[in-house]
């Protein structure tokens, strides 16, 4: 009796595996030139007021335009791990770039949009490193491109930035505020 279910189970597993594999291949081979900067700062945590509020710079903090659930206490609790040696910054996983890697054809413009509640940068760097906010760097040495905030492009909550004219090759980018927010853009 159980043996008659084996072919059906094999078929279901095969189709499921094909869907997962196809989806992952489609994402890694996508020609989509869009990256979203994300975080999930809590719009109801008044502790963010000391850092400009959440959403940062929005005309109506706490309005229905943004909802997040990460408190300042949780943000700092996940900044470092006791398992990471020597103060290596881990960063809250909600603060990220999605996707963190894209591969696109030459001549395409990359659009980076901030859907988080905090301001971010998407700064081209030669090597990943720390940013200009020392307490968020841990043991990371600041990337030279991040050392002077006056030279940076800040993307506010709801804002976007466009990158064009990138030469063929691999280009590294990071947030100079939250240095674990990294990305790479390959131009083919």
N, C-alpha and C. Protein backbone atom coordinates (compact mmCIF):
# COMPACT_ATOMS: atom_id res chain seq x y z
N UNK A 1 0.82 -1.19 0.00
CA UNK A 1 0.00 0.00 0.00
C UNK A 1 0.87 1.27 0.00
N UNK A 2 1.93 1.29 0.82
CA UNK A 2 2.80 2.45 0.90
C UNK A 2 3.59 2.66 -0.38
N UNK A 3 3.88 1.62 -1.11
CA UNK A 3 4.69 1.73 -2.31
C UNK A 3 4.01 2.54 -3.40
N UNK A 4 2.69 2.57 -3.44
CA UNK A 4 2.03 3.33 -4.48
C UNK A 4 2.18 4.84 -4.27
N UNK A 5 2.54 5.28 -3.09
CA UNK A 5 2.76 6.70 -2.82
C UNK A 5 4.18 7.15 -3.17
N UNK A 6 5.10 6.22 -3.33
CA UNK A 6 6.49 6.56 -3.62
C UNK A 6 6.62 7.33 -4.93
N UNK A 7 6.00 6.89 -6.05
CA UNK A 7 6.12 7.67 -7.29
C UNK A 7 5.54 9.08 -7.15
N UNK A 8 4.41 9.19 -6.46
CA UNK A 8 3.81 10.51 -6.26
C UNK A 8 4.72 11.40 -5.42
N UNK A 9 5.30 10.87 -4.36
CA UNK A 9 6.24 11.62 -3.52
C UNK A 9 7.46 12.04 -4.33
N UNK A 10 7.98 11.17 -5.14
CA UNK A 10 9.14 11.49 -5.98
C UNK A 10 8.81 12.61 -6.96
N UNK A 11 7.62 12.57 -7.54
CA UNK A 11 7.19 13.61 -8.46
C UNK A 11 7.08 14.96 -7.75
N UNK A 12 6.45 14.98 -6.59
CA UNK A 12 6.29 16.22 -5.82
C UNK A 12 7.65 16.78 -5.43
N UNK A 13 8.55 15.94 -4.98
CA UNK A 13 9.89 16.40 -4.59
C UNK A 13 10.66 16.91 -5.80
N UNK A 14 10.51 16.24 -6.92
CA UNK A 14 11.20 16.67 -8.13
C UNK A 14 10.72 18.02 -8.61
N UNK A 15 9.40 18.22 -8.63
CA UNK A 15 8.84 19.50 -9.05
C UNK A 15 9.24 20.60 -8.06
N UNK A 16 9.19 20.30 -6.77
CA UNK A 16 9.60 21.28 -5.75
C UNK A 16 11.05 21.67 -5.90
N UNK A 17 11.91 20.70 -6.13
CA UNK A 17 13.34 20.98 -6.33
C UNK A 17 13.57 21.82 -7.57
N UNK A 18 12.81 21.54 -8.65
CA UNK A 18 12.93 22.31 -9.87
C UNK A 18 12.52 23.76 -9.64
N UNK A 19 11.42 23.98 -8.90
CA UNK A 19 10.95 25.34 -8.63
C UNK A 19 11.98 26.11 -7.82
N UNK A 20 12.53 25.52 -6.77
CA UNK A 20 13.53 26.19 -5.94
C UNK A 20 14.78 26.50 -6.75
N UNK A 21 15.28 25.51 -7.50
CA UNK A 21 16.49 25.70 -8.30
C UNK A 21 16.27 26.77 -9.37
N UNK A 22 15.14 26.72 -10.05
CA UNK A 22 14.84 27.69 -11.09
C UNK A 22 14.74 29.09 -10.51
N UNK A 23 14.09 29.23 -9.35
CA UNK A 23 13.95 30.54 -8.72
C UNK A 23 15.31 31.10 -8.33
N UNK A 24 16.17 30.29 -7.74
CA UNK A 24 17.50 30.77 -7.35
C UNK A 24 18.33 31.15 -8.56
N UNK A 25 18.26 30.35 -9.63
CA UNK A 25 19.01 30.68 -10.84
C UNK A 25 18.49 31.97 -11.45
N UNK A 26 17.18 32.15 -11.45
CA UNK A 26 16.61 33.37 -12.01
C UNK A 26 17.08 34.59 -11.24
N UNK A 27 17.17 34.48 -9.91
CA UNK A 27 17.62 35.61 -9.10
C UNK A 27 19.09 35.90 -9.36
N UNK A 28 19.93 34.86 -9.40
CA UNK A 28 21.36 35.09 -9.57
C UNK A 28 21.70 35.55 -10.98
N UNK A 29 20.88 35.22 -11.96
CA UNK A 29 21.13 35.60 -13.35
C UNK A 29 20.24 36.75 -13.80
N UNK A 30 19.59 37.38 -12.85
CA UNK A 30 18.64 38.43 -13.17
C UNK A 30 19.36 39.62 -13.79
N UNK A 31 18.69 40.28 -14.68
CA UNK A 31 19.21 41.50 -15.26
C UNK A 31 18.54 42.71 -14.60
N UNK A 32 17.93 42.48 -13.43
CA UNK A 32 17.27 43.53 -12.68
C UNK A 32 18.33 44.41 -12.03
N UNK A 33 18.30 45.68 -12.32
CA UNK A 33 19.32 46.60 -11.83
C UNK A 33 18.83 47.41 -10.63
N UNK A 34 17.98 46.80 -9.80
CA UNK A 34 17.44 47.49 -8.63
C UNK A 34 17.93 46.86 -7.34
N UNK A 35 18.34 47.70 -6.40
CA UNK A 35 18.77 47.26 -5.08
C UNK A 35 17.96 48.06 -4.06
N UNK A 36 17.50 47.39 -3.02
CA UNK A 36 16.74 48.05 -1.97
C UNK A 36 17.54 48.04 -0.68
N UNK A 37 17.72 49.22 -0.09
CA UNK A 37 18.34 49.34 1.23
C UNK A 37 17.22 49.18 2.24
N UNK A 38 17.45 48.31 3.23
CA UNK A 38 16.39 47.99 4.17
C UNK A 38 16.87 48.09 5.60
N UNK A 39 15.96 48.42 6.47
CA UNK A 39 16.11 48.27 7.92
C UNK A 39 14.71 48.19 8.47
N UNK A 40 14.58 48.00 9.73
CA UNK A 40 13.25 47.81 10.29
C UNK A 40 13.14 48.54 11.62
N UNK A 41 13.69 49.77 11.68
CA UNK A 41 13.65 50.51 12.94
C UNK A 41 12.21 50.74 13.38
N UNK A 42 11.99 50.66 14.66
CA UNK A 42 10.64 50.79 15.22
C UNK A 42 10.21 52.24 15.24
N UNK A 43 9.11 52.52 14.54
CA UNK A 43 8.59 53.88 14.54
C UNK A 43 7.92 54.24 15.85
N UNK A 44 7.78 53.26 16.76
CA UNK A 44 7.16 53.55 18.05
C UNK A 44 8.16 53.56 19.21
N UNK A 45 9.47 53.45 18.90
CA UNK A 45 10.49 53.47 19.95
C UNK A 45 11.06 54.88 20.08
N UNK A 46 10.74 55.59 21.16
CA UNK A 46 11.23 56.96 21.31
C UNK A 46 12.75 57.05 21.46
N UNK A 47 13.41 55.92 21.73
CA UNK A 47 14.88 55.94 21.84
C UNK A 47 15.53 56.32 20.51
N UNK A 48 14.84 56.14 19.38
CA UNK A 48 15.39 56.57 18.09
C UNK A 48 15.45 58.08 17.95
N UNK A 49 14.70 58.81 18.78
CA UNK A 49 14.71 60.27 18.69
C UNK A 49 16.10 60.84 18.88
N UNK A 50 16.92 60.19 19.70
CA UNK A 50 18.30 60.65 19.92
C UNK A 50 19.15 60.51 18.66
N UNK A 51 18.67 59.71 17.69
CA UNK A 51 19.40 59.48 16.45
C UNK A 51 18.66 60.03 15.24
N UNK A 52 17.73 60.95 15.44
CA UNK A 52 17.02 61.55 14.33
C UNK A 52 15.64 60.99 14.08
N UNK A 53 15.20 60.05 14.92
CA UNK A 53 13.86 59.49 14.78
C UNK A 53 13.78 58.32 13.82
N UNK A 54 12.62 57.72 13.80
CA UNK A 54 12.35 56.63 12.87
C UNK A 54 10.89 56.71 12.45
N UNK A 55 10.62 56.95 11.20
CA UNK A 55 11.58 57.07 10.12
C UNK A 55 12.34 58.38 10.21
N UNK A 56 13.61 58.29 9.93
CA UNK A 56 14.51 59.44 10.05
C UNK A 56 14.16 60.49 9.02
N UNK A 57 13.90 61.68 9.49
CA UNK A 57 13.65 62.80 8.60
C UNK A 57 12.28 62.80 7.95
N UNK A 58 11.42 61.84 8.28
CA UNK A 58 10.09 61.83 7.68
C UNK A 58 9.25 62.97 8.24
N UNK A 59 8.38 63.53 7.45
CA UNK A 59 7.59 64.67 7.95
C UNK A 59 6.64 64.31 9.08
N UNK A 60 6.21 63.05 9.13
CA UNK A 60 5.26 62.65 10.16
C UNK A 60 5.71 61.34 10.81
N UNK A 61 6.78 61.36 11.64
CA UNK A 61 7.21 60.11 12.29
C UNK A 61 6.04 59.45 13.01
N UNK A 62 5.96 58.14 12.88
CA UNK A 62 4.89 57.40 13.50
C UNK A 62 3.62 57.34 12.66
N UNK A 63 3.65 57.95 11.46
CA UNK A 63 2.46 57.91 10.61
C UNK A 63 2.33 56.55 9.97
N UNK A 64 1.29 56.37 9.19
CA UNK A 64 1.06 55.10 8.53
C UNK A 64 1.98 54.86 7.34
N UNK A 65 2.87 55.79 7.04
CA UNK A 65 3.75 55.64 5.89
C UNK A 65 4.88 54.63 6.13
N UNK A 66 5.14 54.28 7.37
CA UNK A 66 6.24 53.37 7.69
C UNK A 66 5.89 52.60 8.95
N UNK A 67 6.26 51.33 8.97
CA UNK A 67 6.09 50.49 10.16
C UNK A 67 7.33 49.62 10.32
N UNK A 68 7.94 49.68 11.48
CA UNK A 68 9.08 48.83 11.79
C UNK A 68 8.94 48.31 13.20
N UNK A 69 9.74 47.29 13.56
CA UNK A 69 9.59 46.72 14.90
C UNK A 69 10.90 46.46 15.63
N UNK A 70 12.03 46.98 15.13
CA UNK A 70 13.31 46.78 15.80
C UNK A 70 13.60 47.97 16.71
N UNK A 71 13.66 47.70 18.01
CA UNK A 71 13.95 48.76 18.97
C UNK A 71 15.45 49.09 18.94
N UNK A 72 15.80 50.24 19.50
CA UNK A 72 17.22 50.61 19.62
C UNK A 72 17.95 49.57 20.45
N UNK A 73 17.33 49.08 21.52
CA UNK A 73 17.97 48.06 22.37
C UNK A 73 18.26 46.80 21.58
N UNK A 74 17.31 46.36 20.76
CA UNK A 74 17.53 45.16 19.94
C UNK A 74 18.62 45.40 18.90
N UNK A 75 18.60 46.59 18.28
CA UNK A 75 19.62 46.93 17.29
C UNK A 75 21.02 46.76 17.88
N UNK A 76 21.25 47.35 19.06
CA UNK A 76 22.58 47.26 19.68
C UNK A 76 22.87 45.87 20.23
N UNK A 77 21.84 45.14 20.66
CA UNK A 77 22.05 43.77 21.16
C UNK A 77 22.56 42.84 20.06
N UNK A 78 22.20 43.11 18.81
CA UNK A 78 22.63 42.25 17.70
C UNK A 78 23.80 42.83 16.90
N UNK A 79 24.36 43.94 17.38
CA UNK A 79 25.47 44.57 16.67
C UNK A 79 26.73 43.71 16.70
N UNK A 80 26.98 43.08 17.84
CA UNK A 80 28.17 42.22 18.00
C UNK A 80 27.74 40.85 18.50
N UNK A 81 28.60 39.88 18.34
CA UNK A 81 28.35 38.53 18.84
C UNK A 81 29.51 38.09 19.71
N UNK A 82 29.24 37.42 20.83
CA UNK A 82 30.34 36.91 21.65
C UNK A 82 31.14 35.82 20.91
N UNK A 83 30.58 35.30 19.82
CA UNK A 83 31.28 34.28 19.04
C UNK A 83 32.19 34.87 17.98
N UNK A 84 32.08 36.17 17.74
CA UNK A 84 32.93 36.84 16.75
C UNK A 84 34.17 37.38 17.47
N UNK A 85 35.34 36.98 17.03
CA UNK A 85 36.57 37.39 17.74
C UNK A 85 36.90 38.87 17.57
N UNK A 86 37.45 39.43 18.60
CA UNK A 86 38.06 40.76 18.54
C UNK A 86 37.15 41.90 18.16
N UNK A 87 35.88 41.86 18.52
CA UNK A 87 35.01 42.99 18.23
C UNK A 87 34.54 43.06 16.79
N UNK A 88 34.52 41.94 16.12
CA UNK A 88 34.04 41.93 14.73
C UNK A 88 32.56 42.29 14.70
N UNK A 89 32.22 43.33 13.95
CA UNK A 89 30.82 43.76 13.87
C UNK A 89 30.02 42.74 13.06
N UNK A 90 28.84 42.42 13.57
CA UNK A 90 27.93 41.51 12.88
C UNK A 90 26.81 42.33 12.26
N UNK A 91 26.21 43.22 13.03
CA UNK A 91 25.13 44.07 12.55
C UNK A 91 23.78 43.39 12.62
N UNK A 92 22.76 44.18 12.82
CA UNK A 92 21.40 43.65 12.86
C UNK A 92 21.03 43.16 11.45
N UNK A 93 20.50 41.94 11.33
CA UNK A 93 20.20 41.40 10.00
C UNK A 93 19.09 42.15 9.25
N UNK A 94 18.32 42.97 9.94
CA UNK A 94 17.30 43.75 9.26
C UNK A 94 17.92 44.90 8.45
N UNK A 95 19.10 45.35 8.83
CA UNK A 95 19.81 46.40 8.12
C UNK A 95 20.62 45.71 7.03
N UNK A 96 20.14 45.81 5.77
CA UNK A 96 20.78 45.06 4.69
C UNK A 96 20.42 45.66 3.33
N UNK A 97 21.12 45.19 2.31
CA UNK A 97 20.82 45.51 0.92
C UNK A 97 20.22 44.27 0.28
N UNK A 98 19.14 44.43 -0.46
CA UNK A 98 18.49 43.31 -1.15
C UNK A 98 18.32 43.63 -2.62
N UNK A 99 18.86 42.82 -3.50
CA UNK A 99 19.83 41.76 -3.23
C UNK A 99 21.18 42.38 -2.91
N UNK A 100 22.06 41.60 -2.33
CA UNK A 100 23.39 42.11 -1.98
C UNK A 100 24.37 41.94 -3.15
N UNK A 101 23.95 41.26 -4.21
CA UNK A 101 24.79 41.07 -5.39
C UNK A 101 23.90 41.07 -6.63
N UNK A 102 24.30 41.86 -7.62
CA UNK A 102 23.63 41.80 -8.92
C UNK A 102 24.67 41.73 -10.01
N UNK A 103 24.29 41.15 -11.11
CA UNK A 103 25.14 41.04 -12.29
C UNK A 103 24.33 41.55 -13.47
N UNK A 104 24.80 42.64 -14.09
CA UNK A 104 24.03 43.27 -15.16
C UNK A 104 24.94 43.60 -16.34
N UNK A 105 24.33 43.89 -17.45
CA UNK A 105 25.07 44.25 -18.66
C UNK A 105 25.61 45.66 -18.60
N UNK A 106 26.67 45.88 -19.37
CA UNK A 106 27.29 47.21 -19.46
C UNK A 106 26.27 48.23 -19.95
N UNK A 107 26.38 49.45 -19.47
CA UNK A 107 25.51 50.52 -19.88
C UNK A 107 24.22 50.64 -19.08
N UNK A 108 23.96 49.70 -18.21
CA UNK A 108 22.73 49.73 -17.40
C UNK A 108 22.93 50.71 -16.24
N UNK A 109 21.86 51.29 -15.78
CA UNK A 109 21.85 52.17 -14.61
C UNK A 109 21.31 51.37 -13.42
N UNK A 110 22.03 51.43 -12.31
CA UNK A 110 21.61 50.76 -11.09
C UNK A 110 20.80 51.75 -10.27
N UNK A 111 19.62 51.33 -9.84
CA UNK A 111 18.78 52.18 -8.99
C UNK A 111 18.77 51.58 -7.59
N UNK A 112 19.18 52.39 -6.60
CA UNK A 112 19.23 51.98 -5.21
C UNK A 112 18.17 52.79 -4.46
N UNK A 113 17.22 52.09 -3.82
CA UNK A 113 16.10 52.74 -3.15
C UNK A 113 16.11 52.41 -1.66
N UNK A 114 15.89 53.40 -0.83
CA UNK A 114 15.87 53.21 0.62
C UNK A 114 14.44 52.96 1.08
N UNK A 115 14.15 51.73 1.47
CA UNK A 115 12.82 51.36 1.99
C UNK A 115 12.86 51.18 3.51
N UNK A 116 14.00 51.48 4.12
CA UNK A 116 14.10 51.41 5.58
C UNK A 116 13.70 52.74 6.19
N UNK A 117 13.76 52.81 7.50
CA UNK A 117 13.38 54.03 8.20
C UNK A 117 14.55 54.94 8.52
N UNK A 118 15.76 54.49 8.28
CA UNK A 118 16.96 55.27 8.58
C UNK A 118 17.65 55.69 7.28
N UNK A 119 18.42 56.78 7.32
CA UNK A 119 19.21 57.18 6.16
C UNK A 119 20.36 56.19 5.99
N UNK A 120 20.75 55.98 4.75
CA UNK A 120 21.86 55.07 4.42
C UNK A 120 22.69 55.70 3.31
N UNK A 121 23.89 55.15 3.12
CA UNK A 121 24.66 55.49 1.92
C UNK A 121 24.89 54.19 1.15
N UNK A 122 25.14 54.32 -0.13
CA UNK A 122 25.52 53.19 -0.98
C UNK A 122 26.77 53.69 -1.69
N UNK A 123 27.90 53.56 -0.99
CA UNK A 123 29.15 54.19 -1.37
C UNK A 123 30.09 53.18 -2.01
N UNK A 124 30.65 53.54 -3.16
CA UNK A 124 31.62 52.67 -3.84
C UNK A 124 32.92 52.71 -3.05
N UNK A 125 33.44 51.53 -2.72
CA UNK A 125 34.69 51.41 -1.96
C UNK A 125 35.65 50.45 -2.66
N UNK A 126 36.94 50.66 -2.44
CA UNK A 126 37.92 49.70 -2.97
C UNK A 126 37.91 48.42 -2.15
N UNK A 127 37.77 48.57 -0.83
CA UNK A 127 37.72 47.42 0.07
C UNK A 127 36.67 47.69 1.13
N UNK A 128 35.94 46.65 1.53
CA UNK A 128 34.97 46.80 2.60
C UNK A 128 35.69 47.13 3.90
N UNK A 129 35.10 48.01 4.68
CA UNK A 129 35.67 48.39 5.97
C UNK A 129 34.60 49.02 6.83
N UNK A 130 35.03 49.78 7.82
CA UNK A 130 34.11 50.47 8.69
C UNK A 130 33.58 51.74 8.04
N UNK A 131 32.68 52.39 8.75
CA UNK A 131 32.12 53.64 8.28
C UNK A 131 32.60 54.80 9.12
N UNK A 132 31.86 55.91 9.09
CA UNK A 132 32.28 57.09 9.84
C UNK A 132 31.66 57.14 11.24
N UNK A 133 30.79 56.20 11.60
CA UNK A 133 30.19 56.15 12.94
C UNK A 133 30.96 55.11 13.74
N UNK A 134 31.96 55.56 14.47
CA UNK A 134 32.90 54.65 15.15
C UNK A 134 32.24 53.58 16.02
N UNK A 135 31.21 53.86 16.81
CA UNK A 135 30.63 52.80 17.65
C UNK A 135 30.01 51.64 16.85
N UNK A 136 29.70 51.87 15.57
CA UNK A 136 29.12 50.81 14.75
C UNK A 136 30.17 50.01 13.98
N UNK A 137 31.44 50.41 14.08
CA UNK A 137 32.51 49.75 13.32
C UNK A 137 33.09 48.52 14.01
N UNK A 138 32.99 48.45 15.31
CA UNK A 138 33.68 47.37 16.00
C UNK A 138 35.17 47.46 15.71
N UNK A 139 35.76 46.34 15.29
CA UNK A 139 37.19 46.30 14.99
C UNK A 139 37.51 46.69 13.55
N UNK A 140 36.49 47.02 12.77
CA UNK A 140 36.74 47.38 11.37
C UNK A 140 37.46 48.72 11.26
N UNK A 141 38.44 48.78 10.41
CA UNK A 141 39.11 50.03 10.07
C UNK A 141 38.22 50.74 9.05
N UNK A 142 37.96 52.03 9.24
CA UNK A 142 37.08 52.71 8.29
C UNK A 142 37.62 52.65 6.86
N UNK A 143 36.72 52.40 5.93
CA UNK A 143 37.08 52.48 4.51
C UNK A 143 37.41 53.94 4.22
N UNK A 144 38.50 54.21 3.52
CA UNK A 144 38.87 55.62 3.25
C UNK A 144 37.75 56.41 2.58
N UNK A 145 36.96 55.76 1.75
CA UNK A 145 35.88 56.45 1.06
C UNK A 145 34.75 56.87 2.00
N UNK A 146 34.74 56.32 3.22
CA UNK A 146 33.68 56.61 4.19
C UNK A 146 34.10 57.60 5.27
N UNK A 147 35.33 58.02 5.28
CA UNK A 147 35.84 58.81 6.40
C UNK A 147 35.29 60.22 6.49
N UNK A 148 34.91 60.83 5.38
CA UNK A 148 34.44 62.21 5.41
C UNK A 148 32.95 62.27 5.02
N UNK A 149 32.06 62.41 6.01
CA UNK A 149 30.62 62.44 5.71
C UNK A 149 30.22 63.52 4.70
N UNK A 150 30.98 64.61 4.64
CA UNK A 150 30.64 65.70 3.70
C UNK A 150 30.77 65.25 2.25
N UNK A 151 31.54 64.20 2.00
CA UNK A 151 31.74 63.72 0.63
C UNK A 151 30.75 62.63 0.23
N UNK A 152 29.85 62.25 1.13
CA UNK A 152 28.97 61.12 0.88
C UNK A 152 27.59 61.55 0.38
N UNK A 153 26.95 60.64 -0.34
CA UNK A 153 25.56 60.84 -0.77
C UNK A 153 24.69 60.05 0.20
N UNK A 154 23.84 60.75 0.94
CA UNK A 154 22.93 60.12 1.89
C UNK A 154 21.59 59.90 1.20
N UNK A 155 21.08 58.68 1.31
CA UNK A 155 19.78 58.36 0.71
C UNK A 155 18.78 58.30 1.86
N UNK A 156 17.87 59.26 1.94
CA UNK A 156 16.92 59.30 3.05
C UNK A 156 15.82 58.25 2.89
N UNK A 157 15.08 58.07 3.96
CA UNK A 157 13.90 57.20 3.94
C UNK A 157 13.04 57.56 2.73
N UNK A 158 12.76 56.58 1.88
CA UNK A 158 11.93 56.78 0.70
C UNK A 158 12.68 57.32 -0.51
N UNK A 159 13.95 57.68 -0.35
CA UNK A 159 14.72 58.25 -1.45
C UNK A 159 15.41 57.19 -2.29
N UNK A 160 16.03 57.63 -3.37
CA UNK A 160 16.77 56.70 -4.22
C UNK A 160 17.99 57.39 -4.81
N UNK A 161 18.88 56.58 -5.33
CA UNK A 161 20.14 57.01 -5.93
C UNK A 161 20.33 56.20 -7.19
N UNK A 162 20.86 56.80 -8.23
CA UNK A 162 21.13 56.07 -9.46
C UNK A 162 22.62 56.07 -9.72
N UNK A 163 23.11 54.91 -10.14
CA UNK A 163 24.53 54.74 -10.44
C UNK A 163 24.64 54.37 -11.92
N UNK A 164 25.39 55.13 -12.66
CA UNK A 164 25.57 54.83 -14.07
C UNK A 164 27.04 55.00 -14.43
N UNK A 165 27.40 54.48 -15.59
CA UNK A 165 28.77 54.63 -16.07
C UNK A 165 29.77 53.71 -15.40
N UNK A 166 29.29 52.64 -14.76
CA UNK A 166 30.22 51.70 -14.12
C UNK A 166 30.93 50.88 -15.20
N UNK A 167 32.23 50.77 -15.10
CA UNK A 167 33.03 50.00 -16.06
C UNK A 167 32.82 48.50 -15.83
N UNK A 168 33.06 47.69 -16.84
CA UNK A 168 32.97 46.23 -16.65
C UNK A 168 33.86 45.78 -15.50
N UNK A 169 33.37 44.84 -14.71
CA UNK A 169 34.10 44.31 -13.56
C UNK A 169 33.22 44.29 -12.33
N UNK A 170 33.83 43.98 -11.20
CA UNK A 170 33.13 43.89 -9.92
C UNK A 170 33.33 45.18 -9.14
N UNK A 171 32.23 45.76 -8.66
CA UNK A 171 32.26 47.01 -7.90
C UNK A 171 31.67 46.75 -6.52
N UNK A 172 32.38 47.18 -5.47
CA UNK A 172 31.95 46.99 -4.09
C UNK A 172 31.32 48.28 -3.57
N UNK A 173 30.22 48.11 -2.82
CA UNK A 173 29.52 49.24 -2.21
C UNK A 173 29.20 48.89 -0.77
N UNK A 174 29.12 49.91 0.07
CA UNK A 174 28.71 49.70 1.46
C UNK A 174 28.05 50.96 1.99
N UNK A 175 27.28 50.78 3.06
CA UNK A 175 26.73 51.90 3.78
C UNK A 175 27.82 52.41 4.71
N UNK A 176 28.11 53.68 4.65
CA UNK A 176 29.17 54.25 5.49
C UNK A 176 28.68 54.59 6.88
N UNK A 177 27.42 54.32 7.17
CA UNK A 177 26.88 54.45 8.52
C UNK A 177 26.83 53.06 9.16
N UNK A 178 26.25 52.12 8.46
CA UNK A 178 26.05 50.73 8.91
C UNK A 178 26.93 49.84 8.03
N UNK A 179 28.21 49.64 8.37
CA UNK A 179 29.17 49.04 7.43
C UNK A 179 28.94 47.57 7.10
N UNK A 180 28.05 46.88 7.79
CA UNK A 180 27.73 45.50 7.42
C UNK A 180 26.75 45.46 6.26
N UNK A 181 26.18 46.61 5.90
CA UNK A 181 25.28 46.69 4.74
C UNK A 181 26.16 46.82 3.50
N UNK A 182 26.46 45.68 2.88
CA UNK A 182 27.38 45.65 1.76
C UNK A 182 26.68 45.14 0.51
N UNK A 183 27.24 45.49 -0.62
CA UNK A 183 26.71 45.00 -1.88
C UNK A 183 27.80 44.96 -2.92
N UNK A 184 27.56 44.17 -3.94
CA UNK A 184 28.49 44.10 -5.07
C UNK A 184 27.68 44.12 -6.35
N UNK A 185 28.20 44.86 -7.33
CA UNK A 185 27.57 44.98 -8.63
C UNK A 185 28.60 44.53 -9.67
N UNK A 186 28.27 43.47 -10.38
CA UNK A 186 29.14 43.01 -11.48
C UNK A 186 28.58 43.56 -12.78
N UNK A 187 29.45 44.23 -13.53
CA UNK A 187 29.09 44.73 -14.85
C UNK A 187 29.74 43.83 -15.87
N UNK A 188 28.91 43.20 -16.69
CA UNK A 188 29.42 42.26 -17.71
C UNK A 188 29.71 42.97 -19.02
